[in-house]
């Protein structure tokens, strides 16, 4: 059970954590794309201006599957992400305060897609919700709290 005095993480601190996480993911994926496409920025950024076609299986693996596996893994291991850890935040079950399970992690990750579909309304929802939950949090029954650890 979550304590009554728990502090929910607000919108801006979560944006900061997401930016840190995005930098980490880009630092990991862009060198792989650079290596595979031999430095052809048109292929790396999928501009459509390259003379050779993109390799679909590689792009899907690096841009979708790798971030999915990485994110689920760090949520399961640390109940947080590196950006959230640096800012003292933790993702927990909204009812019990326990760490996420794999089902919640997958639902939360997939919940980002509908949350962002229409002008990021489901993400901005964090700023106005009493428990600071975005749609992805509501779908997975999670909250982001300030951690004392």
Foldseek 3Di string as FASTA:
>chain_A
DDDPPFAFDFQPLVVQLVVVLVVVLCVPQVVVLCVVVVNPVCQVVVVVPDPDHHDVVVCCCSVPVVVLVVQLVCCQVPQGGVSCVVVQKGKAAQPPRHGDDSVLSNQLVVQQCVCPPPVNVQSCVLNVDPQSHGSSCVRSRMTMTGHPD
